[in-house]
N, C-alpha and C. Protein backbone atom coordinates (compact mmCIF):
# COMPACT_ATOMS: atom_id res chain seq x y z
N GLN A 1 0.84 -1.18 0.00
CA GLN A 1 0.00 0.00 0.00
C GLN A 1 0.89 1.24 0.00
N VAL A 2 0.50 2.20 -0.83
CA VAL A 2 1.29 3.42 -0.97
C VAL A 2 0.95 4.41 0.14
N HIS A 3 2.00 4.96 0.72
CA HIS A 3 1.82 6.00 1.72
C HIS A 3 2.79 7.13 1.46
N LEU A 4 2.28 8.36 1.55
CA LEU A 4 3.11 9.56 1.56
C LEU A 4 2.62 10.38 2.73
N VAL A 5 3.51 10.68 3.66
CA VAL A 5 3.12 11.40 4.86
C VAL A 5 4.02 12.61 5.03
N GLU A 6 3.40 13.79 4.90
CA GLU A 6 4.13 15.04 5.10
C GLU A 6 4.17 15.38 6.58
N SER A 7 5.24 16.05 6.98
CA SER A 7 5.36 16.55 8.34
C SER A 7 6.26 17.78 8.32
N GLY A 8 6.27 18.49 9.42
CA GLY A 8 7.15 19.63 9.56
C GLY A 8 6.48 20.98 9.39
N GLY A 9 5.22 20.98 9.07
CA GLY A 9 4.50 22.25 8.95
C GLY A 9 4.24 22.86 10.31
N GLY A 10 3.70 24.06 10.29
CA GLY A 10 3.39 24.73 11.54
C GLY A 10 3.24 26.21 11.35
N LEU A 11 3.25 26.92 12.47
CA LEU A 11 3.12 28.38 12.48
C LEU A 11 4.51 28.97 12.68
N VAL A 12 4.87 29.91 11.82
CA VAL A 12 6.18 30.54 11.89
C VAL A 12 6.03 32.02 11.56
N GLN A 13 6.90 32.82 12.13
CA GLN A 13 6.88 34.26 11.83
C GLN A 13 7.53 34.53 10.49
N SER A 14 7.12 35.63 9.90
CA SER A 14 7.73 36.05 8.64
C SER A 14 9.25 36.13 8.79
N GLY A 15 9.96 35.60 7.82
CA GLY A 15 11.41 35.53 7.87
C GLY A 15 11.95 34.24 8.44
N GLY A 16 11.10 33.44 9.00
CA GLY A 16 11.52 32.18 9.60
C GLY A 16 11.70 31.07 8.58
N SER A 17 12.01 29.90 9.12
CA SER A 17 12.29 28.74 8.27
C SER A 17 11.52 27.52 8.76
N LEU A 18 11.22 26.65 7.83
CA LEU A 18 10.65 25.34 8.13
C LEU A 18 11.25 24.33 7.17
N ARG A 19 11.32 23.10 7.63
CA ARG A 19 11.72 22.01 6.76
C ARG A 19 10.62 20.96 6.74
N LEU A 20 10.03 20.78 5.59
CA LEU A 20 9.00 19.77 5.42
C LEU A 20 9.64 18.45 5.01
N SER A 21 9.07 17.37 5.51
CA SER A 21 9.49 16.03 5.12
C SER A 21 8.31 15.30 4.51
N CYS A 22 8.61 14.40 3.62
CA CYS A 22 7.60 13.54 3.00
C CYS A 22 8.12 12.11 3.07
N ALA A 23 7.67 11.39 4.05
CA ALA A 23 8.09 10.00 4.23
C ALA A 23 7.18 9.10 3.39
N THR A 24 7.79 8.21 2.63
CA THR A 24 7.01 7.39 1.71
C THR A 24 7.25 5.90 1.91
N SER A 25 6.32 5.12 1.42
CA SER A 25 6.45 3.67 1.42
C SER A 25 5.49 3.09 0.41
N GLY A 26 5.77 1.86 -0.02
CA GLY A 26 4.84 1.15 -0.88
C GLY A 26 5.05 1.31 -2.37
N PHE A 27 6.10 2.01 -2.76
CA PHE A 27 6.42 2.14 -4.18
C PHE A 27 7.93 2.36 -4.32
N ALA A 28 8.42 2.25 -5.57
CA ALA A 28 9.85 2.37 -5.83
C ALA A 28 10.26 3.84 -5.81
N PHE A 29 10.50 4.34 -4.64
CA PHE A 29 10.73 5.78 -4.43
C PHE A 29 11.79 6.34 -5.38
N SER A 30 12.90 5.66 -5.54
CA SER A 30 14.00 6.21 -6.32
C SER A 30 13.64 6.39 -7.79
N SER A 31 12.61 5.71 -8.26
CA SER A 31 12.20 5.81 -9.67
C SER A 31 11.25 6.98 -9.92
N TYR A 32 10.73 7.54 -8.87
CA TYR A 32 9.70 8.56 -8.99
C TYR A 32 10.26 9.97 -8.82
N ALA A 33 9.73 10.89 -9.61
CA ALA A 33 9.98 12.30 -9.36
C ALA A 33 9.16 12.73 -8.15
N MET A 34 9.78 13.49 -7.27
CA MET A 34 9.07 14.00 -6.10
C MET A 34 8.84 15.50 -6.29
N ILE A 35 7.61 15.88 -6.16
CA ILE A 35 7.20 17.25 -6.48
C ILE A 35 6.44 17.82 -5.29
N TRP A 36 6.69 19.06 -5.00
CA TRP A 36 6.00 19.75 -3.91
C TRP A 36 4.99 20.74 -4.49
N TYR A 37 3.80 20.72 -3.93
CA TYR A 37 2.73 21.63 -4.30
C TYR A 37 2.25 22.35 -3.04
N ARG A 38 1.50 23.41 -3.26
CA ARG A 38 0.83 24.05 -2.15
C ARG A 38 -0.52 24.59 -2.62
N GLN A 39 -1.39 24.75 -1.65
CA GLN A 39 -2.70 25.35 -1.93
C GLN A 39 -2.99 26.39 -0.87
N ALA A 40 -3.04 27.63 -1.32
CA ALA A 40 -3.36 28.73 -0.42
C ALA A 40 -4.87 28.82 -0.27
N PRO A 41 -5.34 29.43 0.82
CA PRO A 41 -6.78 29.56 1.02
C PRO A 41 -7.45 30.25 -0.16
N GLY A 42 -8.49 29.62 -0.70
CA GLY A 42 -9.23 30.22 -1.78
C GLY A 42 -8.57 30.16 -3.14
N LYS A 43 -7.45 29.45 -3.23
CA LYS A 43 -6.71 29.39 -4.50
C LYS A 43 -6.53 27.93 -4.93
N GLU A 44 -6.16 27.78 -6.18
CA GLU A 44 -5.92 26.44 -6.70
C GLU A 44 -4.55 25.93 -6.25
N ARG A 45 -4.42 24.62 -6.26
CA ARG A 45 -3.14 24.02 -5.92
C ARG A 45 -2.11 24.39 -7.00
N GLU A 46 -0.89 24.73 -6.57
CA GLU A 46 0.15 25.12 -7.51
C GLU A 46 1.43 24.36 -7.21
N LEU A 47 2.20 24.16 -8.28
CA LEU A 47 3.49 23.49 -8.13
C LEU A 47 4.47 24.46 -7.50
N VAL A 48 5.20 24.02 -6.50
CA VAL A 48 6.17 24.88 -5.82
C VAL A 48 7.59 24.55 -6.26
N CYS A 49 7.96 23.30 -6.09
CA CYS A 49 9.33 22.90 -6.41
C CYS A 49 9.39 21.45 -6.88
N THR A 50 10.27 21.22 -7.82
CA THR A 50 10.77 19.89 -8.08
C THR A 50 12.21 19.86 -7.59
N ILE A 51 12.85 18.73 -7.75
CA ILE A 51 14.25 18.67 -7.36
C ILE A 51 15.07 19.65 -8.19
N ARG A 52 14.67 19.85 -9.44
CA ARG A 52 15.47 20.66 -10.37
C ARG A 52 15.19 22.15 -10.28
N SER A 53 13.96 22.53 -9.95
CA SER A 53 13.65 23.95 -9.99
C SER A 53 12.44 24.26 -9.13
N CYS A 54 12.29 25.54 -8.83
CA CYS A 54 11.16 26.03 -8.06
C CYS A 54 10.48 27.17 -8.80
N LYS A 55 9.23 27.42 -8.42
CA LYS A 55 8.55 28.55 -9.03
C LYS A 55 9.25 29.85 -8.67
N ASP A 56 9.08 30.85 -9.52
CA ASP A 56 9.86 32.08 -9.39
C ASP A 56 9.73 32.72 -8.02
N SER A 57 8.53 32.71 -7.46
CA SER A 57 8.31 33.44 -6.20
C SER A 57 9.03 32.82 -5.01
N VAL A 58 9.51 31.58 -5.13
CA VAL A 58 10.22 30.95 -4.02
C VAL A 58 11.67 30.65 -4.35
N LYS A 59 12.08 30.94 -5.57
CA LYS A 59 13.47 30.69 -5.95
C LYS A 59 14.42 31.44 -5.03
N GLY A 60 15.47 30.75 -4.61
CA GLY A 60 16.43 31.35 -3.70
C GLY A 60 16.04 31.25 -2.25
N ARG A 61 14.78 30.85 -1.99
CA ARG A 61 14.31 30.69 -0.61
C ARG A 61 13.98 29.24 -0.29
N PHE A 62 13.46 28.51 -1.26
CA PHE A 62 13.06 27.11 -1.06
C PHE A 62 14.00 26.19 -1.81
N THR A 63 14.25 25.03 -1.23
CA THR A 63 15.07 24.01 -1.88
C THR A 63 14.45 22.63 -1.65
N ALA A 64 14.24 21.90 -2.73
CA ALA A 64 13.73 20.54 -2.63
C ALA A 64 14.91 19.56 -2.69
N SER A 65 14.81 18.50 -1.92
CA SER A 65 15.85 17.47 -1.93
C SER A 65 15.21 16.13 -1.63
N ARG A 66 16.02 15.09 -1.73
CA ARG A 66 15.50 13.75 -1.45
C ARG A 66 16.61 12.87 -0.91
N ASP A 67 16.21 11.86 -0.16
CA ASP A 67 17.15 10.87 0.34
C ASP A 67 16.58 9.51 -0.06
N ASN A 68 17.13 8.94 -1.11
CA ASN A 68 16.59 7.68 -1.61
C ASN A 68 16.77 6.53 -0.62
N ALA A 69 17.81 6.60 0.20
CA ALA A 69 18.03 5.56 1.20
C ALA A 69 16.93 5.56 2.26
N LYS A 70 16.32 6.72 2.48
CA LYS A 70 15.27 6.85 3.49
C LYS A 70 13.88 6.95 2.88
N ASN A 71 13.81 6.89 1.55
CA ASN A 71 12.51 7.03 0.86
C ASN A 71 11.78 8.29 1.30
N THR A 72 12.53 9.35 1.43
CA THR A 72 11.98 10.59 1.97
C THR A 72 12.39 11.78 1.11
N ALA A 73 11.45 12.68 0.90
CA ALA A 73 11.70 13.94 0.21
C ALA A 73 11.59 15.08 1.21
N TYR A 74 12.28 16.17 0.89
CA TYR A 74 12.31 17.31 1.81
C TYR A 74 12.06 18.60 1.04
N LEU A 75 11.54 19.58 1.76
CA LEU A 75 11.42 20.93 1.22
C LEU A 75 11.90 21.89 2.31
N GLN A 76 13.07 22.46 2.08
CA GLN A 76 13.62 23.46 2.99
C GLN A 76 13.09 24.82 2.58
N MET A 77 12.46 25.50 3.52
CA MET A 77 11.84 26.79 3.22
C MET A 77 12.44 27.84 4.15
N ASN A 78 13.12 28.81 3.56
CA ASN A 78 13.74 29.89 4.31
C ASN A 78 13.09 31.22 3.94
N SER A 79 13.33 32.21 4.76
CA SER A 79 12.81 33.57 4.51
C SER A 79 11.33 33.53 4.17
N LEU A 80 10.59 32.80 4.99
CA LEU A 80 9.16 32.62 4.71
C LEU A 80 8.41 33.94 4.81
N ARG A 81 7.39 34.04 3.97
CA ARG A 81 6.56 35.25 3.88
C ARG A 81 5.10 34.85 4.10
N PRO A 82 4.27 35.80 4.49
CA PRO A 82 2.85 35.46 4.69
C PRO A 82 2.18 34.83 3.47
N ASP A 83 2.62 35.23 2.27
CA ASP A 83 1.99 34.64 1.08
C ASP A 83 2.48 33.24 0.77
N ASP A 84 3.35 32.70 1.62
CA ASP A 84 3.72 31.28 1.53
C ASP A 84 2.74 30.40 2.31
N THR A 85 1.81 31.01 3.01
CA THR A 85 0.83 30.26 3.80
C THR A 85 -0.01 29.35 2.91
N GLY A 86 -0.22 28.14 3.38
CA GLY A 86 -1.06 27.20 2.65
C GLY A 86 -0.83 25.78 3.13
N VAL A 87 -1.52 24.87 2.49
CA VAL A 87 -1.30 23.45 2.73
C VAL A 87 -0.31 22.95 1.70
N TYR A 88 0.74 22.34 2.19
CA TYR A 88 1.81 21.84 1.32
C TYR A 88 1.67 20.33 1.15
N TYR A 89 1.76 19.91 -0.10
CA TYR A 89 1.60 18.50 -0.44
C TYR A 89 2.85 18.00 -1.16
N CYS A 90 3.22 16.78 -0.89
CA CYS A 90 4.22 16.13 -1.73
C CYS A 90 3.51 15.16 -2.66
N SER A 91 4.09 14.97 -3.81
CA SER A 91 3.51 14.09 -4.82
C SER A 91 4.62 13.30 -5.47
N ALA A 92 4.36 12.02 -5.73
CA ALA A 92 5.30 11.16 -6.43
C ALA A 92 4.76 10.88 -7.82
N ALA A 93 5.60 11.06 -8.82
CA ALA A 93 5.15 10.91 -10.20
C ALA A 93 6.12 10.06 -11.00
N TRP A 94 5.56 9.12 -11.78
CA TRP A 94 6.35 8.31 -12.70
C TRP A 94 5.44 7.85 -13.82
N GLY A 95 5.69 8.32 -15.02
CA GLY A 95 4.80 8.01 -16.12
C GLY A 95 3.40 8.51 -15.80
N THR A 96 2.43 7.63 -15.89
CA THR A 96 1.05 8.00 -15.58
C THR A 96 0.70 7.79 -14.11
N ALA A 97 1.62 7.22 -13.35
CA ALA A 97 1.34 6.98 -11.93
C ALA A 97 1.54 8.27 -11.14
N ARG A 98 0.67 8.54 -10.20
CA ARG A 98 0.77 9.75 -9.38
C ARG A 98 0.18 9.45 -8.02
N TYR A 99 0.98 9.72 -6.99
CA TYR A 99 0.53 9.55 -5.62
C TYR A 99 0.65 10.87 -4.87
N TRP A 100 -0.24 11.04 -3.88
CA TRP A 100 -0.27 12.29 -3.12
C TRP A 100 -0.26 12.02 -1.63
N GLY A 101 0.34 12.93 -0.89
CA GLY A 101 0.23 12.92 0.55
C GLY A 101 -1.01 13.68 0.98
N GLN A 102 -1.23 13.71 2.29
CA GLN A 102 -2.44 14.34 2.82
C GLN A 102 -2.26 15.83 3.07
N GLY A 103 -1.01 16.29 3.01
CA GLY A 103 -0.74 17.71 3.17
C GLY A 103 -0.37 18.08 4.60
N THR A 104 0.37 19.17 4.70
CA THR A 104 0.73 19.72 6.01
C THR A 104 0.55 21.23 5.95
N GLN A 105 -0.03 21.79 6.97
CA GLN A 105 -0.35 23.22 6.99
C GLN A 105 0.88 24.04 7.35
N VAL A 106 1.13 25.06 6.56
CA VAL A 106 2.17 26.05 6.86
C VAL A 106 1.48 27.41 6.98
N THR A 107 1.67 28.06 8.10
CA THR A 107 1.10 29.37 8.33
C THR A 107 2.22 30.33 8.70
N VAL A 108 2.34 31.40 7.92
CA VAL A 108 3.38 32.40 8.16
C VAL A 108 2.71 33.68 8.62
N SER A 109 3.03 34.11 9.81
CA SER A 109 2.44 35.33 10.36
C SER A 109 3.33 36.53 10.07
N SER A 110 2.68 37.66 9.92
CA SER A 110 3.43 38.89 9.59
C SER A 110 3.89 39.61 10.85
């Protein structure tokens, strides 16, 4: 059974940092692209980062990484801003296969 479990979210002040983790099981993790998304209140879900690149608004502040030995993906988020607030999801993708985690809430206060 496939599992993706995000953790590390929470409430942080503007300028702070958080590190999200996505622990996975039940599929060949090393074969899958790991992608981070977020959904802000009242907005559609958007892609934030892949291992190779991040959306412009978070470039230089967010970094995606992975540890294949631990079947875990990470999203390091620095210099957080209030507009980074949302539910953050990790997703595993390979060909037509796509798995999602349940999300973790990140709230950045001003």
